[in-house]
Amino acid sequence: MEKQKSAKKRVFLANCKTYGIITLGTLLMAVSLNMFLVPKSIVAGGVTGIATLLYNLFRFPMGLTILLINIPLFLIGLKVLGGGFGFKTFYGTLALSVFLEVTIHIPPITNDATLATIAGGALMGVGLGIVFLTGATTGGTDVAARLMHKLLPFVDVGQWIAAIDFVIIVLVGMLFGNYELSLYGLLAVVLSTYIIDLILEGANFAELVYILSPRHEEIAGRILSSMSRGVTGLYATGMYSGKDTKMLLCVVKKFELQKLKRIVSEVDEKAFIIMTRARKVSGEGFRVYPN
């Protein structure tokens, strides 16, 4: 009974953390739109771009517009893409719509379109990036792109997202008769995409460490006991000496690297260490975040 309660508590806390992160991410996205992009009519693609366009043309509420576009997309996605499509995505869409209305009266802090583009695009990237870390999205272009990929699988999801965003951004320039807005929109998309990649790659990256030392057994024991990380012994032969030995292989998070180096140095300060970056690691002790 106690184990069941403990397991339920862990699941509850994990869910609270996940939805808390989604909430923070969508709040940052709403602020990026209302404080920077919308006042300058800068459209950074996607459903939020369509909502920005309709708001500037007809003053349609952005939150409501996003919901009206996303709900049909979400329902189609459930039918076409399956039940695993995700409640988290629905929550992300709803939270973004609510925060757009809550933050609508935040005054812009710059009148310069370039500064607004840079700040808005970067903040949008941070918000989307941390939402993506949970495996959720905010609907819109992502859902539409996955549906199009289902119909035309020879074009990948990333290419569909880029194509949809490009069409929306160019359409803004045509409707407003101002293609500078399209250029600002493209700049915002490039910045947000770059920030998203930095966040996701930083979460997925780990350090792959090879260790050569005659005291490999002691080093492995210290790593296992002090860091709770697995260590693999690989059989190796020194081609100069002709002697057989073991080379240790260990994968750690970046913040754990200094501790690992300290452990090795304390056991054998002359140990030969090779460190390289692992782009993505999955398995026990490593959570894979979506790219």
C-alpha atoms as a PDB file:
ATOM      1  CA  MET A   1       0.000   0.000   0.000  1.00  0.00           C
ATOM      2  CA  GLU A   2       2.795   2.425   0.911  1.00  0.00           C
ATOM      3  CA  LYS A   3       4.592   1.637  -2.353  1.00  0.00           C
ATOM      4  CA  GLN A   4       1.427   2.374  -4.324  1.00  0.00           C
ATOM      5  CA  LYS A   5       0.962   5.689  -2.531  1.00  0.00           C
ATOM      6  CA  SER A   6       4.599   6.568  -3.150  1.00  0.00           C
ATOM      7  CA  ALA A   7       4.300   5.682  -6.850  1.00  0.00           C
ATOM      8  CA  LYS A   8       1.120   7.768  -7.208  1.00  0.00           C
ATOM      9  CA  LYS A   9       2.825  10.678  -5.487  1.00  0.00           C
ATOM     10  CA  ARG A  10       5.778  10.496  -7.881  1.00  0.00           C
ATOM     11  CA  VAL A  11       3.451  10.410 -10.886  1.00  0.00           C
ATOM     12  CA  PHE A  12       1.466  13.358  -9.510  1.00  0.00           C
ATOM     13  CA  LEU A  13       4.618  15.423  -8.900  1.00  0.00           C
ATOM     14  CA  ALA A  14       5.971  14.555 -12.352  1.00  0.00           C
ATOM     15  CA  ASN A  15       2.698  15.673 -13.962  1.00  0.00           C
ATOM     16  CA  CYS A  16       2.722  18.898 -11.925  1.00  0.00           C
ATOM     17  CA  LYS A  17       6.256  19.593 -13.132  1.00  0.00           C
ATOM     18  CA  THR A  18       5.372  18.834 -16.765  1.00  0.00           C
ATOM     19  CA  TYR A  19       2.290  21.037 -16.863  1.00  0.00           C
ATOM     20  CA  GLY A  20       4.091  23.731 -14.890  1.00  0.00           C
ATOM     21  CA  ILE A  21       6.781  23.833 -17.576  1.00  0.00           C
ATOM     22  CA  ILE A  22       4.157  23.992 -20.341  1.00  0.00           C
ATOM     23  CA  THR A  23       2.416  26.823 -18.473  1.00  0.00           C
ATOM     24  CA  LEU A  24       5.653  28.801 -18.168  1.00  0.00           C
ATOM     25  CA  GLY A  25       6.516  28.235 -21.821  1.00  0.00           C
ATOM     26  CA  THR A  26       3.130  29.376 -23.113  1.00  0.00           C
ATOM     27  CA  LEU A  27       3.249  32.433 -20.839  1.00  0.00           C
ATOM     28  CA  LEU A  28       6.605  33.441 -22.359  1.00  0.00           C
ATOM     29  CA  MET A  29       5.171  32.947 -25.847  1.00  0.00           C
ATOM     30  CA  ALA A  30       2.174  35.153 -25.048  1.00  0.00           C
ATOM     31  CA  VAL A  31       4.445  37.883 -23.663  1.00  0.00           C
ATOM     32  CA  SER A  32       6.678  37.708 -26.758  1.00  0.00           C
ATOM     33  CA  LEU A  33       3.631  38.280 -28.950  1.00  0.00           C
ATOM     34  CA  ASN A  34       1.865  40.984 -26.964  1.00  0.00           C
ATOM     35  CA  MET A  35       4.959  42.897 -25.874  1.00  0.00           C
ATOM     36  CA  PHE A  36       7.060  42.709 -29.049  1.00  0.00           C
ATOM     37  CA  LEU A  37       5.645  41.142 -32.214  1.00  0.00           C
ATOM     38  CA  VAL A  38       1.957  42.082 -32.390  1.00  0.00           C
ATOM     39  CA  PRO A  39       2.430  45.855 -31.779  1.00  0.00           C
ATOM     40  CA  LYS A  40       4.706  45.974 -34.847  1.00  0.00           C
ATOM     41  CA  SER A  41       2.509  43.630 -36.948  1.00  0.00           C
ATOM     42  CA  ILE A  42       5.381  41.147 -37.132  1.00  0.00           C
ATOM     43  CA  VAL A  43       4.110  37.675 -38.019  1.00  0.00           C
ATOM     44  CA  ALA A  44       6.399  34.788 -37.115  1.00  0.00           C
ATOM     45  CA  GLY A  45       4.477  32.111 -39.011  1.00  0.00           C
ATOM     46  CA  GLY A  46       2.157  29.432 -37.697  1.00  0.00           C
ATOM     47  CA  VAL A  47      -1.313  29.776 -36.239  1.00  0.00           C
ATOM     48  CA  THR A  48      -0.064  32.550 -33.946  1.00  0.00           C
ATOM     49  CA  GLY A  49       0.969  34.354 -37.133  1.00  0.00           C
ATOM     50  CA  ILE A  50      -2.519  34.002 -38.595  1.00  0.00           C
ATOM     51  CA  ALA A  51      -3.974  35.233 -35.291  1.00  0.00           C
ATOM     52  CA  THR A  52      -1.588  38.215 -35.337  1.00  0.00           C
ATOM     53  CA  LEU A  53      -2.611  39.027 -38.899  1.00  0.00           C
ATOM     54  CA  LEU A  54      -6.357  38.861 -38.135  1.00  0.00           C
ATOM     55  CA  TYR A  55      -5.878  40.922 -34.989  1.00  0.00           C
ATOM     56  CA  ASN A  56      -4.080  43.701 -36.858  1.00  0.00           C
ATOM     57  CA  LEU A  57      -6.576  43.669 -39.729  1.00  0.00           C
ATOM     58  CA  PHE A  58      -9.875  43.175 -37.918  1.00  0.00           C
ATOM     59  CA  ARG A  59      -9.052  43.240 -34.175  1.00  0.00           C
ATOM     60  CA  PHE A  60     -10.180  39.631 -33.739  1.00  0.00           C
ATOM     61  CA  PRO A  61      -9.120  38.407 -30.273  1.00  0.00           C
ATOM     62  CA  MET A  62      -5.918  36.418 -30.718  1.00  0.00           C
ATOM     63  CA  GLY A  63      -6.644  33.839 -28.035  1.00  0.00           C
ATOM     64  CA  LEU A  64     -10.049  33.038 -29.501  1.00  0.00           C
ATOM     65  CA  THR A  65      -8.658  32.895 -33.051  1.00  0.00           C
ATOM     66  CA  ILE A  66      -5.987  30.400 -32.004  1.00  0.00           C
ATOM     67  CA  LEU A  67      -8.582  28.204 -30.313  1.00  0.00           C
ATOM     68  CA  LEU A  68     -10.969  28.322 -33.289  1.00  0.00           C
ATOM     69  CA  ILE A  69      -8.182  27.254 -35.657  1.00  0.00           C
ATOM     70  CA  ASN A  70      -6.535  24.715 -33.362  1.00  0.00           C
ATOM     71  CA  ILE A  71      -9.591  22.806 -32.101  1.00  0.00           C
ATOM     72  CA  PRO A  72     -10.539  21.450 -35.566  1.00  0.00           C
ATOM     73  CA  LEU A  73      -6.864  20.689 -36.262  1.00  0.00           C
ATOM     74  CA  PHE A  74      -6.604  18.884 -32.943  1.00  0.00           C
ATOM     75  CA  LEU A  75      -9.728  16.794 -33.590  1.00  0.00           C
ATOM     76  CA  ILE A  76      -8.514  15.857 -37.070  1.00  0.00           C
ATOM     77  CA  GLY A  77      -5.125  15.044 -35.576  1.00  0.00           C
ATOM     78  CA  LEU A  78      -6.713  12.720 -33.037  1.00  0.00           C
ATOM     79  CA  LYS A  79      -8.521  10.856 -35.810  1.00  0.00           C
ATOM     80  CA  VAL A  80      -5.661  10.711 -38.312  1.00  0.00           C
ATOM     81  CA  LEU A  81      -2.602  10.530 -36.033  1.00  0.00           C
ATOM     82  CA  GLY A  82      -4.102   8.433 -33.238  1.00  0.00           C
ATOM     83  CA  GLY A  83      -4.888   8.728 -29.542  1.00  0.00           C
ATOM     84  CA  GLY A  84      -1.248   9.266 -28.602  1.00  0.00           C
ATOM     85  CA  PHE A  85      -1.501  12.676 -30.185  1.00  0.00           C
ATOM     86  CA  GLY A  86      -1.475  14.135 -26.695  1.00  0.00           C
ATOM     87  CA  PHE A  87      -3.506  15.912 -24.052  1.00  0.00           C
ATOM     88  CA  LYS A  88      -0.393  17.966 -23.328  1.00  0.00           C
ATOM     89  CA  THR A  89      -0.671  19.567 -26.767  1.00  0.00           C
ATOM     90  CA  PHE A  90      -4.312  20.436 -26.116  1.00  0.00           C
ATOM     91  CA  TYR A  91      -3.332  21.953 -22.764  1.00  0.00           C
ATOM     92  CA  GLY A  92      -0.529  23.929 -24.412  1.00  0.00           C
ATOM     93  CA  THR A  93      -2.953  25.316 -26.993  1.00  0.00           C
ATOM     94  CA  LEU A  94      -5.504  26.272 -24.331  1.00  0.00           C
ATOM     95  CA  ALA A  95      -2.893  27.827 -22.032  1.00  0.00           C
ATOM     96  CA  LEU A  96      -1.449  29.945 -24.866  1.00  0.00           C
ATOM     97  CA  SER A  97      -4.921  31.213 -25.791  1.00  0.00           C
ATOM     98  CA  VAL A  98      -5.681  32.161 -22.178  1.00  0.00           C
ATOM     99  CA  PHE A  99      -2.331  33.896 -21.633  1.00  0.00           C
ATOM    100  CA  LEU A 100      -2.700  35.881 -24.847  1.00  0.00           C
ATOM    101  CA  GLU A 101      -5.870  37.440 -23.428  1.00  0.00           C
ATOM    102  CA  VAL A 102      -4.389  37.867 -19.926  1.00  0.00           C
ATOM    103  CA  THR A 103      -1.251  39.657 -21.188  1.00  0.00           C
ATOM    104  CA  ILE A 104      -2.900  41.697 -23.927  1.00  0.00           C
ATOM    105  CA  HIS A 105      -2.545  44.967 -21.987  1.00  0.00           C
ATOM    106  CA  ILE A 106       1.206  44.651 -21.408  1.00  0.00           C
ATOM    107  CA  PRO A 107       2.692  47.752 -23.046  1.00  0.00           C
ATOM    108  CA  PRO A 108       5.456  47.353 -25.653  1.00  0.00           C
ATOM    109  CA  ILE A 109       8.890  48.320 -24.356  1.00  0.00           C
ATOM    110  CA  THR A 110      10.391  49.355 -27.707  1.00  0.00           C
ATOM    111  CA  ASN A 111       9.204  51.213 -30.780  1.00  0.00           C
ATOM    112  CA  ASP A 112      12.054  49.882 -32.899  1.00  0.00           C
ATOM    113  CA  ALA A 113      10.865  47.115 -35.236  1.00  0.00           C
ATOM    114  CA  THR A 114      14.289  45.440 -35.404  1.00  0.00           C
ATOM    115  CA  LEU A 115      14.631  45.283 -31.613  1.00  0.00           C
ATOM    116  CA  ALA A 116      11.064  44.019 -31.325  1.00  0.00           C
ATOM    117  CA  THR A 117      11.804  41.294 -33.883  1.00  0.00           C
ATOM    118  CA  ILE A 118      14.971  40.155 -32.145  1.00  0.00           C
ATOM    119  CA  ALA A 119      13.499  40.219 -28.629  1.00  0.00           C
ATOM    120  CA  GLY A 120      10.177  38.701 -29.698  1.00  0.00           C
ATOM    121  CA  GLY A 121      11.751  35.960 -31.795  1.00  0.00           C
ATOM    122  CA  ALA A 122      14.208  35.022 -29.047  1.00  0.00           C
ATOM    123  CA  LEU A 123      11.558  34.975 -26.305  1.00  0.00           C
ATOM    124  CA  MET A 124       9.228  32.971 -28.552  1.00  0.00           C
ATOM    125  CA  GLY A 125      12.042  30.454 -29.065  1.00  0.00           C
ATOM    126  CA  VAL A 126      12.621  30.112 -25.317  1.00  0.00           C
ATOM    127  CA  GLY A 127       8.919  29.577 -24.678  1.00  0.00           C
ATOM    128  CA  LEU A 128       8.462  27.037 -27.458  1.00  0.00           C
ATOM    129  CA  GLY A 129      11.717  25.302 -26.574  1.00  0.00           C
ATOM    130  CA  ILE A 130      10.744  24.562 -22.987  1.00  0.00           C
ATOM    131  CA  VAL A 131       7.260  23.459 -24.111  1.00  0.00           C
ATOM    132  CA  PHE A 132       8.894  21.037 -26.566  1.00  0.00           C
ATOM    133  CA  LEU A 133      11.056  19.653 -23.742  1.00  0.00           C
ATOM    134  CA  THR A 134       7.918  18.113 -22.227  1.00  0.00           C
ATOM    135  CA  GLY A 135       6.946  16.434 -25.500  1.00  0.00           C
ATOM    136  CA  ALA A 136       4.061  18.870 -25.984  1.00  0.00           C
ATOM    137  CA  THR A 137       3.444  21.519 -28.628  1.00  0.00           C
ATOM    138  CA  THR A 138       1.070  24.457 -28.871  1.00  0.00           C
ATOM    139  CA  GLY A 139      -0.727  22.946 -31.842  1.00  0.00           C
ATOM    140  CA  GLY A 140      -1.049  24.952 -35.028  1.00  0.00           C
ATOM    141  CA  THR A 141       1.685  24.544 -37.619  1.00  0.00           C
ATOM    142  CA  ASP A 142       3.088  21.471 -35.906  1.00  0.00           C
ATOM    143  CA  VAL A 143      -0.248  19.644 -36.131  1.00  0.00           C
ATOM    144  CA  ALA A 144      -0.884  20.778 -39.705  1.00  0.00           C
ATOM    145  CA  ALA A 145       2.620  19.696 -40.746  1.00  0.00           C
ATOM    146  CA  ARG A 146       2.193  16.244 -39.208  1.00  0.00           C
ATOM    147  CA  LEU A 147      -1.129  15.852 -41.035  1.00  0.00           C
ATOM    148  CA  MET A 148       0.437  16.901 -44.340  1.00  0.00           C
ATOM    149  CA  HIS A 149       3.337  14.509 -43.746  1.00  0.00           C
ATOM    150  CA  LYS A 150       0.787  11.734 -43.271  1.00  0.00           C
ATOM    151  CA  LEU A 151      -0.674  12.541 -46.684  1.00  0.00           C
ATOM    152  CA  LEU A 152       2.661  13.205 -48.429  1.00  0.00           C
ATOM    153  CA  PRO A 153       5.313  11.289 -46.448  1.00  0.00           C
ATOM    154  CA  PHE A 154       8.144  12.070 -48.905  1.00  0.00           C
ATOM    155  CA  VAL A 155       8.175  15.614 -47.440  1.00  0.00           C
ATOM    156  CA  ASP A 156       9.275  15.546 -43.807  1.00  0.00           C
ATOM    157  CA  VAL A 157       7.555  17.392 -40.956  1.00  0.00           C
ATOM    158  CA  GLY A 158      10.270  20.058 -40.658  1.00  0.00           C
ATOM    159  CA  GLN A 159       9.953  20.935 -44.346  1.00  0.00           C
ATOM    160  CA  TRP A 160       6.177  21.214 -44.040  1.00  0.00           C
ATOM    161  CA  ILE A 161       6.499  23.532 -41.043  1.00  0.00           C
ATOM    162  CA  ALA A 162       8.969  25.743 -42.933  1.00  0.00           C
ATOM    163  CA  ALA A 163       6.711  25.817 -46.020  1.00  0.00           C
ATOM    164  CA  ILE A 164       3.570  26.730 -44.051  1.00  0.00           C
ATOM    165  CA  ASP A 165       5.396  29.446 -42.095  1.00  0.00           C
ATOM    166  CA  PHE A 166       6.875  30.875 -45.304  1.00  0.00           C
ATOM    167  CA  VAL A 167       3.464  31.098 -47.008  1.00  0.00           C
ATOM    168  CA  ILE A 168       1.918  32.852 -43.989  1.00  0.00           C
ATOM    169  CA  ILE A 169       4.794  35.331 -43.682  1.00  0.00           C
ATOM    170  CA  VAL A 170       4.751  36.202 -47.407  1.00  0.00           C
ATOM    171  CA  LEU A 171       0.953  36.566 -47.277  1.00  0.00           C
ATOM    172  CA  VAL A 172       1.364  39.203 -44.554  1.00  0.00           C
ATOM    173  CA  GLY A 173       3.638  41.266 -46.783  1.00  0.00           C
ATOM    174  CA  MET A 174       1.150  41.031 -49.633  1.00  0.00           C
ATOM    175  CA  LEU A 175      -1.900  41.979 -47.529  1.00  0.00           C
ATOM    176  CA  PHE A 176      -0.191  44.920 -45.840  1.00  0.00           C
ATOM    177  CA  GLY A 177       1.659  45.963 -48.985  1.00  0.00           C
ATOM    178  CA  ASN A 178       4.842  45.998 -46.925  1.00  0.00           C
ATOM    179  CA  TYR A 179       7.372  43.256 -47.575  1.00  0.00           C
ATOM    180  CA  GLU A 180       9.603  44.579 -44.802  1.00  0.00           C
ATOM    181  CA  LEU A 181       7.108  42.913 -42.443  1.00  0.00           C
ATOM    182  CA  SER A 182       7.794  39.624 -44.216  1.00  0.00           C
ATOM    183  CA  LEU A 183      11.537  40.090 -43.740  1.00  0.00           C
ATOM    184  CA  TYR A 184      11.031  40.869 -40.041  1.00  0.00           C
ATOM    185  CA  GLY A 185       8.834  37.775 -39.757  1.00  0.00           C
ATOM    186  CA  LEU A 186      11.476  35.581 -41.386  1.00  0.00           C
ATOM    187  CA  LEU A 187      14.101  36.974 -39.009  1.00  0.00           C
ATOM    188  CA  ALA A 188      11.874  36.204 -36.012  1.00  0.00           C
ATOM    189  CA  VAL A 189      11.339  32.624 -37.240  1.00  0.00           C
ATOM    190  CA  VAL A 190      15.076  32.077 -37.776  1.00  0.00           C
ATOM    191  CA  LEU A 191      15.857  33.386 -34.286  1.00  0.00           C
ATOM    192  CA  SER A 192      13.150  31.358 -32.555  1.00  0.00           C
ATOM    193  CA  THR A 193      14.161  28.186 -34.425  1.00  0.00           C
ATOM    194  CA  TYR A 194      17.802  28.704 -33.452  1.00  0.00           C
ATOM    195  CA  ILE A 195      16.876  29.168 -29.773  1.00  0.00           C
ATOM    196  CA  ILE A 196      14.627  26.095 -29.846  1.00  0.00           C
ATOM    197  CA  ASP A 197      17.484  24.021 -31.283  1.00  0.00           C
ATOM    198  CA  LEU A 198      19.853  25.285 -28.592  1.00  0.00           C
ATOM    199  CA  ILE A 199      17.425  24.329 -25.830  1.00  0.00           C
ATOM    200  CA  LEU A 200      16.598  20.891 -27.227  1.00  0.00           C
ATOM    201  CA  GLU A 201      20.160  20.007 -28.178  1.00  0.00           C
ATOM    202  CA  GLY A 202      21.427  21.165 -24.809  1.00  0.00           C
ATOM    203  CA  ALA A 203      18.921  18.862 -23.117  1.00  0.00           C
ATOM    204  CA  ASN A 204      19.771  15.871 -25.296  1.00  0.00           C
ATOM    205  CA  PHE A 205      23.541  16.222 -25.352  1.00  0.00           C
ATOM    206  CA  ALA A 206      25.695  14.154 -23.039  1.00  0.00           C
ATOM    207  CA  GLU A 207      29.429  13.544 -22.690  1.00  0.00           C
ATOM    208  CA  LEU A 208      30.954  10.274 -23.857  1.00  0.00           C
ATOM    209  CA  VAL A 209      34.108   9.520 -21.884  1.00  0.00           C
ATOM    210  CA  TYR A 210      36.768   6.867 -22.542  1.00  0.00           C
ATOM    211  CA  ILE A 211      39.268   6.182 -19.753  1.00  0.00           C
ATOM    212  CA  LEU A 212      42.524   4.217 -20.046  1.00  0.00           C
ATOM    213  CA  SER A 213      44.285   3.394 -16.795  1.00  0.00           C
ATOM    214  CA  PRO A 214      45.959   0.355 -15.201  1.00  0.00           C
ATOM    215  CA  ARG A 215      43.693   1.093 -12.203  1.00  0.00           C
ATOM    216  CA  HIS A 216      40.514   0.790 -14.230  1.00  0.00           C
ATOM    217  CA  GLU A 217      38.774  -1.481 -11.701  1.00  0.00           C
ATOM    218  CA  GLU A 218      39.160   1.095  -8.922  1.00  0.00           C
ATOM    219  CA  ILE A 219      38.064   3.947 -11.164  1.00  0.00           C
ATOM    220  CA  ALA A 220      34.976   2.011 -12.291  1.00  0.00           C
ATOM    221  CA  GLY A 221      34.066   1.241  -8.692  1.00  0.00           C
ATOM    222  CA  ARG A 222      34.335   4.894  -7.690  1.00  0.00           C
ATOM    223  CA  ILE A 223      32.149   6.011 -10.611  1.00  0.00           C
ATOM    224  CA  LEU A 224      29.507   3.387  -9.837  1.00  0.00           C
ATOM    225  CA  SER A 225      29.370   4.241  -6.137  1.00  0.00           C
ATOM    226  CA  SER A 226      29.792   8.031  -6.276  1.00  0.00           C
ATOM    227  CA  MET A 227      27.892   8.967  -9.426  1.00  0.00           C
ATOM    228  CA  SER A 228      25.353   6.163  -9.916  1.00  0.00           C
ATOM    229  CA  ARG A 229      26.363   6.019 -13.571  1.00  0.00           C
ATOM    230  CA  GLY A 230      26.988   2.829 -15.495  1.00  0.00           C
ATOM    231  CA  VAL A 231      30.480   1.964 -16.684  1.00  0.00           C
ATOM    232  CA  THR A 232      31.361  -0.455 -19.476  1.00  0.00           C
ATOM    233  CA  GLY A 233      34.730  -2.188 -19.739  1.00  0.00           C
ATOM    234  CA  LEU A 234      35.965  -2.581 -23.320  1.00  0.00           C
ATOM    235  CA  TYR A 235      38.811  -4.948 -24.125  1.00  0.00           C
ATOM    236  CA  ALA A 236      41.667  -3.051 -25.743  1.00  0.00           C
ATOM    237  CA  THR A 237      45.236  -3.720 -26.852  1.00  0.00           C
ATOM    238  CA  GLY A 238      48.043  -1.172 -26.764  1.00  0.00           C
ATOM    239  CA  MET A 239      49.580  -1.437 -30.221  1.00  0.00           C
ATOM    240  CA  TYR A 240      52.931  -0.047 -29.031  1.00  0.00           C
ATOM    241  CA  SER A 241      53.243  -2.167 -25.873  1.00  0.00           C
ATOM    242  CA  GLY A 242      51.294  -5.157 -27.169  1.00  0.00           C
ATOM    243  CA  LYS A 243      49.579  -5.473 -23.767  1.00  0.00           C
ATOM    244  CA  ASP A 244      45.901  -6.258 -23.298  1.00  0.00           C
ATOM    245  CA  THR A 245      43.947  -3.939 -21.022  1.00  0.00           C
ATOM    246  CA  LYS A 246      40.469  -2.603 -20.386  1.00  0.00           C
ATOM    247  CA  MET A 247      39.203   0.775 -21.509  1.00  0.00           C
ATOM    248  CA  LEU A 248      36.298   2.214 -19.556  1.00  0.00           C
ATOM    249  CA  LEU A 249      33.337   3.768 -21.343  1.00  0.00           C
ATOM    250  CA  CYS A 250      31.023   6.080 -19.413  1.00  0.00           C
ATOM    251  CA  VAL A 251      28.257   8.467 -20.496  1.00  0.00           C
ATOM    252  CA  VAL A 252      27.455  11.421 -18.232  1.00  0.00           C
ATOM    253  CA  LYS A 253      25.546  14.671 -18.383  1.00  0.00           C
ATOM    254  CA  LYS A 254      27.606  17.769 -19.030  1.00  0.00           C
ATOM    255  CA  PHE A 255      27.285  19.040 -15.455  1.00  0.00           C
ATOM    256  CA  GLU A 256      28.632  15.687 -14.187  1.00  0.00           C
ATOM    257  CA  LEU A 257      31.803  15.853 -16.248  1.00  0.00           C
ATOM    258  CA  GLN A 258      33.934  17.739 -13.714  1.00  0.00           C
ATOM    259  CA  LYS A 259      33.031  15.262 -10.966  1.00  0.00           C
ATOM    260  CA  LEU A 260      34.000  12.362 -13.224  1.00  0.00           C
ATOM    261  CA  LYS A 261      37.351  13.946 -14.070  1.00  0.00           C
ATOM    262  CA  ARG A 262      38.020  14.565 -10.380  1.00  0.00           C
ATOM    263  CA  ILE A 263      37.305  10.929  -9.511  1.00  0.00           C
ATOM    264  CA  VAL A 264      39.669   9.684 -12.236  1.00  0.00           C
ATOM    265  CA  SER A 265      42.376  12.126 -11.210  1.00  0.00           C
ATOM    266  CA  GLU A 266      42.146  11.093  -7.547  1.00  0.00           C
ATOM    267  CA  VAL A 267      42.650   7.434  -8.467  1.00  0.00           C
ATOM    268  CA  ASP A 268      45.190   7.893 -11.272  1.00  0.00           C
ATOM    269  CA  GLU A 269      46.334  11.364 -12.205  1.00  0.00           C
ATOM    270  CA  LYS A 270      48.162   9.921 -15.249  1.00  0.00           C
ATOM    271  CA  ALA A 271      45.020   8.249 -16.656  1.00  0.00           C
ATOM    272  CA  PHE A 272      44.382   8.835 -20.353  1.00  0.00           C
ATOM    273  CA  ILE A 273      40.930  10.365 -20.864  1.00  0.00           C
ATOM    274  CA  ILE A 274      39.087  10.968 -24.138  1.00  0.00           C
ATOM    275  CA  MET A 275      35.958  13.126 -24.017  1.00  0.00           C
ATOM    276  CA  THR A 276      33.548  13.698 -26.849  1.00  0.00           C
ATOM    277  CA  ARG A 277      29.957  14.828 -27.153  1.00  0.00           C
ATOM    278  CA  ALA A 278      27.104  12.379 -27.632  1.00  0.00           C
ATOM    279  CA  ARG A 279      24.300  14.065 -29.546  1.00  0.00           C
ATOM    280  CA  LYS A 280      21.507  11.939 -28.107  1.00  0.00           C
ATOM    281  CA  VAL A 281      21.464   9.272 -25.405  1.00  0.00           C
ATOM    282  CA  SER A 282      18.495   7.118 -24.446  1.00  0.00           C
ATOM    283  CA  GLY A 283      18.156   4.462 -21.780  1.00  0.00           C
ATOM    284  CA  GLU A 284      18.297   4.258 -18.013  1.00  0.00           C
ATOM    285  CA  GLY A 285      19.235   7.580 -16.450  1.00  0.00           C
ATOM    286  CA  PHE A 286      18.785   9.552 -19.669  1.00  0.00           C
ATOM    287  CA  ARG A 287      15.556  11.093 -20.833  1.00  0.00           C
ATOM    288  CA  VAL A 288      15.268  11.840 -24.538  1.00  0.00           C
ATOM    289  CA  TYR A 289      13.714  15.187 -25.402  1.00  0.00           C
ATOM    290  CA  PRO A 290      12.034  15.590 -28.790  1.00  0.00           C
ATOM    291  CA  ASN A 291      13.903  17.297 -31.612  1.00  0.00           C
END
